[in-house]
Amino acid sequence: MAWIFLFFAGLLEVVWAYSMKLSDGFTKPGPAVVTIVAMIFSFGLLSLAMRSLPLGTAYTIWTGIGAVGAFIVGIVVMGEALTATRVLAALLIVSGLVLMKISSPV
């Protein structure tokens, strides 16, 4: 169950990062509220995952899902640049996540 909590916590990190961008520095109430609510739920699910997962594993995977997810949203939704170097960086993050999952005792 901890891995499921962690996965959804990571997805919510993508949601709050995207909505924070849309909030334009918290000047737009709708996206600002979405940001805060998604943050609360993301942190809550992360804390549930940390009950049984090691700190380093849980936090690394949570931030990795958020980083790669935000990278994908930036490209697909916001038209950010898709370059070989950025793709390589994302692949390295994913590789690190896989290694962290494989090395986790839980």
Protein backbone atom coordinates (compact mmCIF):
# COMPACT_ATOMS: atom_id res chain seq x y z
CA MET A 1 0.00 0.00 0.00
CA ALA A 2 2.90 2.35 0.72
CA TRP A 3 4.00 2.30 -2.93
CA ILE A 4 0.48 3.21 -4.06
CA PHE A 5 0.41 6.12 -1.59
CA LEU A 6 3.81 7.21 -2.84
CA PHE A 7 2.79 7.02 -6.50
CA PHE A 8 -0.28 9.20 -5.96
CA ALA A 9 1.70 11.59 -3.77
CA GLY A 10 4.11 12.01 -6.69
CA LEU A 11 1.27 12.62 -9.14
CA LEU A 12 -0.17 15.25 -6.82
CA GLU A 13 3.24 16.89 -6.74
CA VAL A 14 2.95 17.32 -10.51
CA VAL A 15 -0.54 18.79 -10.04
CA TRP A 16 0.60 21.33 -7.49
CA ALA A 17 3.68 22.32 -9.48
CA TYR A 18 1.58 22.91 -12.59
CA SER A 19 -1.18 24.76 -10.74
CA MET A 20 1.44 26.87 -8.98
CA LYS A 21 2.73 27.94 -12.38
CA LEU A 22 -0.83 28.76 -13.42
CA SER A 23 -1.42 30.74 -10.22
CA ASP A 24 1.05 33.37 -11.45
CA GLY A 25 2.72 33.85 -8.09
CA PHE A 26 -0.48 33.06 -6.16
CA THR A 27 -2.25 36.04 -7.77
CA LYS A 28 -4.97 33.85 -9.34
CA PRO A 29 -7.20 32.35 -6.64
CA GLY A 30 -8.40 29.22 -8.47
CA PRO A 31 -5.00 27.77 -9.31
CA ALA A 32 -3.65 28.96 -5.94
CA VAL A 33 -6.31 26.94 -4.09
CA VAL A 34 -5.64 23.89 -6.27
CA THR A 35 -1.93 24.25 -5.46
CA ILE A 36 -2.48 24.35 -1.71
CA VAL A 37 -5.00 21.49 -1.66
CA ALA A 38 -2.80 19.30 -3.88
CA MET A 39 0.21 20.07 -1.66
CA ILE A 40 -1.66 19.05 1.47
CA PHE A 41 -2.80 15.76 -0.04
CA SER A 42 0.61 15.09 -1.61
CA PHE A 43 2.38 15.59 1.71
CA GLY A 44 -0.28 13.54 3.49
CA LEU A 45 0.16 10.58 1.15
CA LEU A 46 3.94 10.91 1.37
CA SER A 47 3.72 10.74 5.15
CA LEU A 48 1.59 7.59 4.93
CA ALA A 49 4.12 6.00 2.58
CA MET A 50 6.94 6.90 4.98
CA ARG A 51 5.35 4.78 7.69
CA SER A 52 6.87 1.72 6.06
CA LEU A 53 9.28 2.97 3.40
CA PRO A 54 12.75 4.30 4.21
CA LEU A 55 13.04 8.09 4.20
CA GLY A 56 15.59 8.22 1.39
CA THR A 57 13.60 5.89 -0.84
CA ALA A 58 10.24 7.60 -0.30
CA TYR A 59 11.53 11.13 -0.68
CA THR A 60 13.69 10.36 -3.71
CA ILE A 61 10.88 8.62 -5.56
CA TRP A 62 8.34 11.31 -4.60
CA THR A 63 10.53 14.12 -5.91
CA GLY A 64 11.52 12.06 -8.95
CA ILE A 65 7.91 11.45 -9.97
CA GLY A 66 7.28 15.14 -9.50
CA ALA A 67 10.33 16.21 -11.48
CA VAL A 68 9.76 13.90 -14.43
CA GLY A 69 6.01 14.54 -14.38
CA ALA A 70 6.51 18.30 -14.37
CA PHE A 71 9.03 17.90 -17.20
CA ILE A 72 6.44 16.01 -19.27
CA VAL A 73 3.64 18.49 -18.46
CA GLY A 74 5.96 21.35 -19.36
CA ILE A 75 6.63 19.86 -22.78
CA VAL A 76 3.14 18.53 -23.59
CA VAL A 77 0.96 21.24 -22.07
CA MET A 78 3.14 24.33 -21.89
CA GLY A 79 5.21 23.95 -25.05
CA GLU A 80 8.59 23.88 -23.32
CA ALA A 81 11.64 22.81 -25.31
CA LEU A 82 12.23 19.13 -25.96
CA THR A 83 15.96 18.70 -26.36
CA ALA A 84 18.21 15.69 -26.27
CA THR A 85 19.93 16.99 -23.14
CA ARG A 86 16.65 17.47 -21.27
CA VAL A 87 15.45 13.99 -22.29
CA LEU A 88 18.77 12.50 -21.13
CA ALA A 89 18.38 14.28 -17.79
CA ALA A 90 14.85 12.88 -17.37
CA LEU A 91 16.05 9.39 -18.28
CA LEU A 92 18.79 9.65 -15.67
CA ILE A 93 16.20 10.62 -13.07
CA VAL A 94 14.02 7.65 -14.04
CA SER A 95 17.06 5.36 -13.88
CA GLY A 96 17.75 6.60 -10.37
CA LEU A 97 14.13 5.95 -9.38
CA VAL A 98 14.29 2.39 -10.69
CA LEU A 99 17.53 1.75 -8.81
CA MET A 100 16.06 3.23 -5.64
CA LYS A 101 12.99 0.98 -5.94
CA ILE A 102 15.11 -2.11 -6.62
CA SER A 103 17.35 -1.39 -3.65
CA SER A 104 14.48 -0.78 -1.23
CA PRO A 105 13.95 -3.55 1.32
CA VAL A 106 10.16 -3.02 1.32
